Amino acid sequence: MNYELRIMKSLLIVLLIMMIFLPVISHAQTLNPFKEDFKLSFCNGPALPGGAPAGYVPCDFNGLMGQVQLLINAMIILGLLCAIGGFSYAGFLYISGEQAKITHAKEILRKTVVGLLIMLGSWAIVYQLLTWLVKDSTGVKALLGA
């Protein structure tokens, strides 16, 4: 197999991976630390006896579950960035042309894909559990932009 064909195959694989995971990565805008309304805590404070103003999230069980979801979303974003780095490094090793590096690249690629599938599968399970546990899941859905 010639060098140009390997480069084209590697670029096609990276492009397909980016197309698959771009919708997940696009949720990073909900965790943008450069926005003026960014905060690390999901809830605003204690439950107010007279009723809460619009957008106020009390620190109760629902607020705790929202905080858990916020932290999980941050970890998913970091995990996806690490996966992109793993795919890039494996692609770089693969196009080198040396058989030992190609074998190592295939091993890295396999491990990265398995780790990514475990991470996204775990996220789906935890997200579903959180929507079952939280009475009013509007706060959790607001984290995901839904």
N, C-alpha and C. Protein backbone atom coordinates (compact mmCIF):
# COMPACT_ATOMS: atom_id res chain seq x y z
N MET A 1 0.85 -1.17 0.00
CA MET A 1 0.00 0.00 0.00
C MET A 1 0.90 1.24 0.00
N ASN A 2 0.63 2.18 -0.88
CA ASN A 2 1.51 3.34 -0.98
C ASN A 2 1.21 4.38 0.11
N TYR A 3 2.12 5.31 0.24
CA TYR A 3 2.09 6.30 1.31
C TYR A 3 0.88 7.22 1.21
N GLU A 4 0.54 7.67 0.01
CA GLU A 4 -0.58 8.60 -0.17
C GLU A 4 -1.91 7.95 0.19
N LEU A 5 -2.05 6.68 -0.14
CA LEU A 5 -3.29 5.97 0.18
C LEU A 5 -3.45 5.83 1.69
N ARG A 6 -2.36 5.59 2.40
CA ARG A 6 -2.42 5.50 3.86
C ARG A 6 -2.82 6.84 4.47
N ILE A 7 -2.28 7.91 3.93
CA ILE A 7 -2.64 9.23 4.44
C ILE A 7 -4.12 9.50 4.19
N MET A 8 -4.61 9.18 3.02
CA MET A 8 -6.02 9.41 2.70
C MET A 8 -6.92 8.57 3.60
N LYS A 9 -6.55 7.31 3.85
CA LYS A 9 -7.35 6.47 4.74
C LYS A 9 -7.35 7.02 6.16
N SER A 10 -6.21 7.49 6.63
CA SER A 10 -6.13 8.05 7.99
C SER A 10 -6.97 9.31 8.10
N LEU A 11 -6.88 10.18 7.10
CA LEU A 11 -7.68 11.40 7.13
C LEU A 11 -9.17 11.10 7.06
N LEU A 12 -9.56 10.09 6.29
CA LEU A 12 -10.96 9.70 6.20
C LEU A 12 -11.46 9.17 7.54
N ILE A 13 -10.64 8.39 8.22
CA ILE A 13 -11.01 7.85 9.53
C ILE A 13 -11.18 8.99 10.53
N VAL A 14 -10.24 9.93 10.55
CA VAL A 14 -10.34 11.07 11.47
C VAL A 14 -11.57 11.90 11.16
N LEU A 15 -11.87 12.12 9.89
CA LEU A 15 -13.05 12.89 9.50
C LEU A 15 -14.33 12.19 9.94
N LEU A 16 -14.41 10.89 9.75
CA LEU A 16 -15.60 10.15 10.18
C LEU A 16 -15.76 10.19 11.69
N ILE A 17 -14.68 10.06 12.42
CA ILE A 17 -14.75 10.12 13.88
C ILE A 17 -15.22 11.50 14.33
N MET A 18 -14.71 12.54 13.69
CA MET A 18 -15.13 13.89 14.04
C MET A 18 -16.61 14.11 13.72
N MET A 19 -17.09 13.55 12.62
CA MET A 19 -18.50 13.70 12.27
C MET A 19 -19.40 12.98 13.26
N ILE A 20 -18.93 11.86 13.78
CA ILE A 20 -19.73 11.10 14.73
C ILE A 20 -19.80 11.81 16.07
N PHE A 21 -18.67 12.34 16.55
CA PHE A 21 -18.62 12.88 17.90
C PHE A 21 -18.80 14.39 17.97
N LEU A 22 -18.95 15.08 16.85
CA LEU A 22 -19.13 16.52 16.88
C LEU A 22 -20.40 16.94 17.62
N PRO A 23 -21.53 16.23 17.47
CA PRO A 23 -22.71 16.64 18.26
C PRO A 23 -22.48 16.53 19.76
N VAL A 24 -21.72 15.55 20.21
CA VAL A 24 -21.44 15.42 21.64
C VAL A 24 -20.51 16.54 22.09
N ILE A 25 -19.50 16.84 21.29
CA ILE A 25 -18.54 17.88 21.64
C ILE A 25 -19.22 19.26 21.63
N SER A 26 -20.25 19.43 20.81
CA SER A 26 -20.89 20.73 20.72
C SER A 26 -21.60 21.11 22.01
N HIS A 27 -21.84 20.15 22.90
CA HIS A 27 -22.43 20.49 24.20
C HIS A 27 -21.42 21.15 25.11
N ALA A 28 -20.19 21.29 24.66
CA ALA A 28 -19.18 21.96 25.48
C ALA A 28 -19.53 23.41 25.72
N GLN A 29 -20.39 23.99 24.87
CA GLN A 29 -20.75 25.38 25.06
C GLN A 29 -21.54 25.59 26.35
N THR A 30 -22.18 24.55 26.89
CA THR A 30 -22.88 24.70 28.16
C THR A 30 -21.91 24.76 29.32
N LEU A 31 -20.67 24.35 29.13
CA LEU A 31 -19.65 24.39 30.18
C LEU A 31 -18.54 25.38 29.84
N ASN A 32 -18.86 26.42 29.12
CA ASN A 32 -17.86 27.38 28.67
C ASN A 32 -17.45 28.28 29.83
N PRO A 33 -16.20 28.17 30.33
CA PRO A 33 -15.79 28.99 31.47
C PRO A 33 -15.59 30.46 31.12
N PHE A 34 -15.65 30.81 29.85
CA PHE A 34 -15.45 32.19 29.45
C PHE A 34 -16.76 32.97 29.35
N LYS A 35 -17.89 32.29 29.57
CA LYS A 35 -19.17 32.98 29.59
C LYS A 35 -19.33 33.67 30.93
N GLU A 36 -19.99 34.80 30.94
CA GLU A 36 -20.12 35.56 32.19
C GLU A 36 -21.05 34.88 33.20
N ASP A 37 -21.95 34.01 32.76
CA ASP A 37 -22.85 33.33 33.69
C ASP A 37 -22.35 31.93 34.07
N PHE A 38 -21.06 31.63 33.80
CA PHE A 38 -20.49 30.33 34.13
C PHE A 38 -20.31 30.21 35.64
N LYS A 39 -20.64 29.04 36.17
CA LYS A 39 -20.40 28.75 37.57
C LYS A 39 -20.15 27.25 37.72
N LEU A 40 -19.36 26.90 38.72
CA LEU A 40 -19.05 25.50 38.95
C LEU A 40 -20.15 24.80 39.74
N SER A 41 -20.90 25.56 40.50
CA SER A 41 -21.98 24.98 41.29
C SER A 41 -23.27 25.05 40.50
N PHE A 42 -24.02 23.98 40.52
CA PHE A 42 -25.26 23.94 39.75
C PHE A 42 -26.39 24.65 40.49
N CYS A 43 -26.42 24.51 41.81
CA CYS A 43 -27.53 25.10 42.56
C CYS A 43 -27.16 26.50 43.06
N ASN A 44 -28.20 27.28 43.41
CA ASN A 44 -28.00 28.67 43.80
C ASN A 44 -27.97 28.88 45.31
N GLY A 45 -28.62 28.04 46.07
CA GLY A 45 -28.67 28.21 47.52
C GLY A 45 -29.80 27.40 48.12
N PRO A 46 -30.19 27.72 49.36
CA PRO A 46 -31.25 26.96 50.02
C PRO A 46 -32.61 27.23 49.39
N ALA A 47 -33.54 26.34 49.67
CA ALA A 47 -34.91 26.53 49.18
C ALA A 47 -35.51 27.75 49.86
N LEU A 48 -36.09 28.63 49.09
CA LEU A 48 -36.66 29.85 49.63
C LEU A 48 -38.11 29.61 50.04
N PRO A 49 -38.51 30.07 51.24
CA PRO A 49 -39.86 29.79 51.71
C PRO A 49 -40.94 30.51 50.92
N GLY A 50 -40.67 31.67 50.41
CA GLY A 50 -41.68 32.43 49.69
C GLY A 50 -41.75 32.07 48.21
N GLY A 51 -41.01 31.10 47.78
CA GLY A 51 -40.96 30.76 46.36
C GLY A 51 -39.69 31.31 45.74
N ALA A 52 -39.21 30.63 44.77
CA ALA A 52 -37.94 31.00 44.16
C ALA A 52 -38.17 31.79 42.88
N PRO A 53 -37.29 32.75 42.60
CA PRO A 53 -37.41 33.46 41.32
C PRO A 53 -37.09 32.54 40.15
N ALA A 54 -37.39 32.99 38.96
CA ALA A 54 -37.14 32.17 37.77
C ALA A 54 -35.65 31.89 37.61
N GLY A 55 -35.32 30.65 37.34
CA GLY A 55 -33.94 30.25 37.14
C GLY A 55 -33.20 29.90 38.41
N TYR A 56 -33.84 30.03 39.56
CA TYR A 56 -33.22 29.72 40.85
C TYR A 56 -33.33 28.22 41.10
N VAL A 57 -32.19 27.56 41.35
CA VAL A 57 -32.18 26.12 41.61
C VAL A 57 -31.77 25.92 43.07
N PRO A 58 -32.69 25.42 43.92
CA PRO A 58 -32.32 25.20 45.33
C PRO A 58 -31.36 24.02 45.47
N CYS A 59 -30.57 24.05 46.55
CA CYS A 59 -29.60 22.99 46.81
C CYS A 59 -30.26 21.85 47.57
N ASP A 60 -31.10 21.10 46.89
CA ASP A 60 -31.74 19.93 47.47
C ASP A 60 -31.24 18.71 46.70
N PHE A 61 -31.99 17.61 46.74
CA PHE A 61 -31.56 16.41 46.03
C PHE A 61 -31.47 16.66 44.53
N ASN A 62 -32.44 17.38 43.99
CA ASN A 62 -32.40 17.68 42.56
C ASN A 62 -31.18 18.53 42.20
N GLY A 63 -30.83 19.48 43.08
CA GLY A 63 -29.64 20.28 42.85
C GLY A 63 -28.37 19.45 42.91
N LEU A 64 -28.33 18.49 43.84
CA LEU A 64 -27.18 17.59 43.94
C LEU A 64 -27.05 16.75 42.67
N MET A 65 -28.16 16.23 42.19
CA MET A 65 -28.11 15.42 40.97
C MET A 65 -27.72 16.27 39.76
N GLY A 66 -28.16 17.52 39.74
CA GLY A 66 -27.73 18.43 38.68
C GLY A 66 -26.23 18.69 38.74
N GLN A 67 -25.69 18.81 39.95
CA GLN A 67 -24.25 19.00 40.11
C GLN A 67 -23.49 17.77 39.63
N VAL A 68 -24.01 16.58 39.95
CA VAL A 68 -23.39 15.34 39.47
C VAL A 68 -23.37 15.32 37.94
N GLN A 69 -24.49 15.70 37.33
CA GLN A 69 -24.57 15.72 35.87
C GLN A 69 -23.59 16.73 35.28
N LEU A 70 -23.44 17.88 35.94
CA LEU A 70 -22.50 18.90 35.47
C LEU A 70 -21.08 18.36 35.48
N LEU A 71 -20.70 17.69 36.57
CA LEU A 71 -19.35 17.13 36.66
C LEU A 71 -19.14 16.01 35.64
N ILE A 72 -20.15 15.19 35.44
CA ILE A 72 -20.03 14.10 34.45
C ILE A 72 -19.86 14.68 33.05
N ASN A 73 -20.61 15.73 32.73
CA ASN A 73 -20.48 16.35 31.41
C ASN A 73 -19.08 16.93 31.21
N ALA A 74 -18.51 17.52 32.27
CA ALA A 74 -17.15 18.04 32.17
C ALA A 74 -16.16 16.90 31.92
N MET A 75 -16.33 15.78 32.60
CA MET A 75 -15.43 14.64 32.41
C MET A 75 -15.59 14.03 31.02
N ILE A 76 -16.81 14.03 30.50
CA ILE A 76 -17.03 13.52 29.13
C ILE A 76 -16.29 14.38 28.12
N ILE A 77 -16.34 15.69 28.31
CA ILE A 77 -15.64 16.58 27.39
C ILE A 77 -14.13 16.33 27.46
N LEU A 78 -13.59 16.19 28.67
CA LEU A 78 -12.16 15.90 28.80
C LEU A 78 -11.82 14.53 28.20
N GLY A 79 -12.69 13.55 28.41
CA GLY A 79 -12.45 12.23 27.84
C GLY A 79 -12.47 12.24 26.32
N LEU A 80 -13.38 13.02 25.75
CA LEU A 80 -13.42 13.12 24.28
C LEU A 80 -12.17 13.80 23.74
N LEU A 81 -11.67 14.80 24.45
CA LEU A 81 -10.44 15.43 24.01
C LEU A 81 -9.26 14.46 24.08
N CYS A 82 -9.23 13.65 25.13
CA CYS A 82 -8.18 12.62 25.23
C CYS A 82 -8.31 11.58 24.12
N ALA A 83 -9.54 11.21 23.79
CA ALA A 83 -9.76 10.24 22.72
C ALA A 83 -9.31 10.81 21.38
N ILE A 84 -9.57 12.08 21.15
CA ILE A 84 -9.12 12.71 19.91
C ILE A 84 -7.59 12.69 19.84
N GLY A 85 -6.96 12.96 20.99
CA GLY A 85 -5.49 12.88 21.03
C GLY A 85 -4.99 11.47 20.75
N GLY A 86 -5.68 10.46 21.31
CA GLY A 86 -5.30 9.06 21.06
C GLY A 86 -5.46 8.68 19.60
N PHE A 87 -6.56 9.11 18.99
CA PHE A 87 -6.77 8.83 17.57
C PHE A 87 -5.72 9.51 16.71
N SER A 88 -5.38 10.74 17.07
CA SER A 88 -4.37 11.47 16.30
C SER A 88 -3.00 10.80 16.41
N TYR A 89 -2.63 10.41 17.62
CA TYR A 89 -1.34 9.76 17.82
C TYR A 89 -1.29 8.42 17.09
N ALA A 90 -2.39 7.66 17.16
CA ALA A 90 -2.43 6.38 16.45
C ALA A 90 -2.34 6.59 14.95
N GLY A 91 -3.00 7.62 14.44
CA GLY A 91 -2.92 7.93 13.01
C GLY A 91 -1.51 8.32 12.60
N PHE A 92 -0.84 9.09 13.44
CA PHE A 92 0.54 9.49 13.16
C PHE A 92 1.45 8.26 13.11
N LEU A 93 1.27 7.35 14.08
CA LEU A 93 2.09 6.13 14.06
C LEU A 93 1.76 5.25 12.86
N TYR A 94 0.50 5.22 12.48
CA TYR A 94 0.07 4.34 11.38
C TYR A 94 0.66 4.77 10.05
N ILE A 95 0.76 6.07 9.83
CA ILE A 95 1.26 6.52 8.52
C ILE A 95 2.78 6.51 8.46
N SER A 96 3.44 6.13 9.54
CA SER A 96 4.90 6.08 9.52
C SER A 96 5.43 5.01 8.56
N GLY A 97 4.67 3.93 8.41
CA GLY A 97 5.06 2.89 7.46
C GLY A 97 5.84 1.74 8.06
N GLU A 98 6.36 1.88 9.27
CA GLU A 98 7.09 0.80 9.91
C GLU A 98 6.10 -0.19 10.52
N GLN A 99 6.38 -1.47 10.34
CA GLN A 99 5.44 -2.50 10.79
C GLN A 99 5.23 -2.47 12.31
N ALA A 100 6.30 -2.24 13.07
CA ALA A 100 6.17 -2.20 14.54
C ALA A 100 5.28 -1.04 14.98
N LYS A 101 5.46 0.11 14.34
CA LYS A 101 4.64 1.27 14.68
C LYS A 101 3.19 1.08 14.25
N ILE A 102 2.97 0.42 13.13
CA ILE A 102 1.61 0.15 12.66
C ILE A 102 0.90 -0.78 13.64
N THR A 103 1.60 -1.78 14.12
CA THR A 103 1.02 -2.70 15.10
C THR A 103 0.69 -1.95 16.40
N HIS A 104 1.60 -1.09 16.83
CA HIS A 104 1.36 -0.29 18.04
C HIS A 104 0.19 0.67 17.83
N ALA A 105 0.08 1.26 16.64
CA ALA A 105 -1.02 2.18 16.33
C ALA A 105 -2.36 1.45 16.36
N LYS A 106 -2.41 0.23 15.83
CA LYS A 106 -3.66 -0.54 15.86
C LYS A 106 -4.07 -0.86 17.29
N GLU A 107 -3.08 -1.15 18.13
CA GLU A 107 -3.37 -1.44 19.54
C GLU A 107 -3.90 -0.19 20.25
N ILE A 108 -3.27 0.96 19.99
CA ILE A 108 -3.74 2.21 20.59
C ILE A 108 -5.14 2.53 20.11
N LEU A 109 -5.39 2.35 18.82
CA LEU A 109 -6.70 2.63 18.25
C LEU A 109 -7.78 1.74 18.88
N ARG A 110 -7.48 0.46 19.02
CA ARG A 110 -8.44 -0.47 19.62
C ARG A 110 -8.74 -0.08 21.06
N LYS A 111 -7.71 0.23 21.83
CA LYS A 111 -7.91 0.61 23.23
C LYS A 111 -8.66 1.93 23.35
N THR A 112 -8.38 2.86 22.46
CA THR A 112 -9.08 4.15 22.49
C THR A 112 -10.55 3.98 22.16
N VAL A 113 -10.85 3.17 21.17
CA VAL A 113 -12.25 2.93 20.81
C VAL A 113 -12.99 2.23 21.94
N VAL A 114 -12.37 1.22 22.55
CA VAL A 114 -13.01 0.52 23.67
C VAL A 114 -13.24 1.49 24.83
N GLY A 115 -12.26 2.30 25.17
CA GLY A 115 -12.41 3.27 26.24
C GLY A 115 -13.49 4.29 25.96
N LEU A 116 -13.56 4.74 24.71
CA LEU A 116 -14.58 5.70 24.31
C LEU A 116 -15.97 5.09 24.40
N LEU A 117 -16.11 3.85 23.96
CA LEU A 117 -17.41 3.18 24.05
C LEU A 117 -17.83 2.97 25.50
N ILE A 118 -16.89 2.60 26.35
CA ILE A 118 -17.20 2.43 27.78
C ILE A 118 -17.62 3.77 28.39
N MET A 119 -16.89 4.83 28.05
CA MET A 119 -17.19 6.14 28.59
C MET A 119 -18.57 6.63 28.15
N LEU A 120 -18.87 6.51 26.87
CA LEU A 120 -20.17 6.98 26.37
C LEU A 120 -21.31 6.09 26.85
N GLY A 121 -21.07 4.79 26.96
CA GLY A 121 -22.09 3.89 27.50
C GLY A 121 -22.38 4.19 28.96
N SER A 122 -21.34 4.47 29.73
CA SER A 122 -21.52 4.83 31.14
C SER A 122 -22.28 6.14 31.26
N TRP A 123 -21.95 7.09 30.39
CA TRP A 123 -22.66 8.36 30.41
C TRP A 123 -24.14 8.15 30.12
N ALA A 124 -24.48 7.31 29.17
CA ALA A 124 -25.88 7.07 28.83
C ALA A 124 -26.63 6.43 30.01
N ILE A 125 -25.98 5.50 30.68
CA ILE A 125 -26.62 4.84 31.83
C ILE A 125 -26.84 5.83 32.96
N VAL A 126 -25.82 6.62 33.28
CA VAL A 126 -25.93 7.58 34.38
C VAL A 126 -26.95 8.66 34.04
N TYR A 127 -26.98 9.13 32.81
CA TYR A 127 -27.96 10.14 32.41
C TYR A 127 -29.38 9.60 32.57
N GLN A 128 -29.60 8.36 32.17
CA GLN A 128 -30.93 7.78 32.31
C GLN A 128 -31.30 7.63 33.79
N LEU A 129 -30.36 7.19 34.62
CA LEU A 129 -30.63 7.07 36.05
C LEU A 129 -30.95 8.43 36.67
N LEU A 130 -30.23 9.46 36.27
CA LEU A 130 -30.49 10.78 36.81
C LEU A 130 -31.86 11.30 36.40
N THR A 131 -32.29 11.04 35.20
CA THR A 131 -33.62 11.49 34.79
C THR A 131 -34.71 10.73 35.54
N TRP A 132 -34.45 9.51 35.95
CA TRP A 132 -35.41 8.75 36.75
C TRP A 132 -35.43 9.24 38.19
N LEU A 133 -34.27 9.64 38.73
CA LEU A 133 -34.17 10.03 40.14
C LEU A 133 -34.67 11.43 40.42
N VAL A 134 -34.53 12.32 39.47
CA VAL A 134 -34.87 13.72 39.69
C VAL A 134 -36.34 13.93 39.33
N LYS A 135 -37.09 14.53 40.27
CA LYS A 135 -38.52 14.77 40.03
C LYS A 135 -38.72 15.70 38.84
N ASP A 136 -38.16 16.88 38.96
CA ASP A 136 -38.27 17.87 37.89
C ASP A 136 -36.94 17.91 37.18
N SER A 137 -36.85 17.23 36.05
CA SER A 137 -35.55 17.09 35.38
C SER A 137 -35.25 18.27 34.46
N THR A 138 -35.98 19.38 34.61
CA THR A 138 -35.70 20.53 33.72
C THR A 138 -34.31 21.07 33.98
N GLY A 139 -33.83 21.03 35.24
CA GLY A 139 -32.49 21.53 35.53
C GLY A 139 -31.43 20.67 34.89
N VAL A 140 -31.62 19.33 34.93
CA VAL A 140 -30.67 18.43 34.30
C VAL A 140 -30.71 18.60 32.78
N LYS A 141 -31.91 18.77 32.24
CA LYS A 141 -32.02 18.95 30.79
C LYS A 141 -31.43 20.29 30.36
N ALA A 142 -31.49 21.30 31.23
CA ALA A 142 -30.91 22.58 30.90
C ALA A 142 -29.39 22.49 30.73
N LEU A 143 -28.79 21.56 31.47
CA LEU A 143 -27.35 21.37 31.32
C LEU A 143 -26.99 20.87 29.93
N LEU A 144 -27.86 20.08 29.35
CA LEU A 144 -27.58 19.51 28.04
C LEU A 144 -28.14 20.35 26.91
N GLY A 145 -28.73 21.46 27.23
CA GLY A 145 -29.27 22.32 26.19
C GLY A 145 -30.57 21.81 25.60
N ALA A 146 -31.25 20.90 26.27
CA ALA A 146 -32.51 20.33 25.75
C ALA A 146 -33.69 21.17 26.18
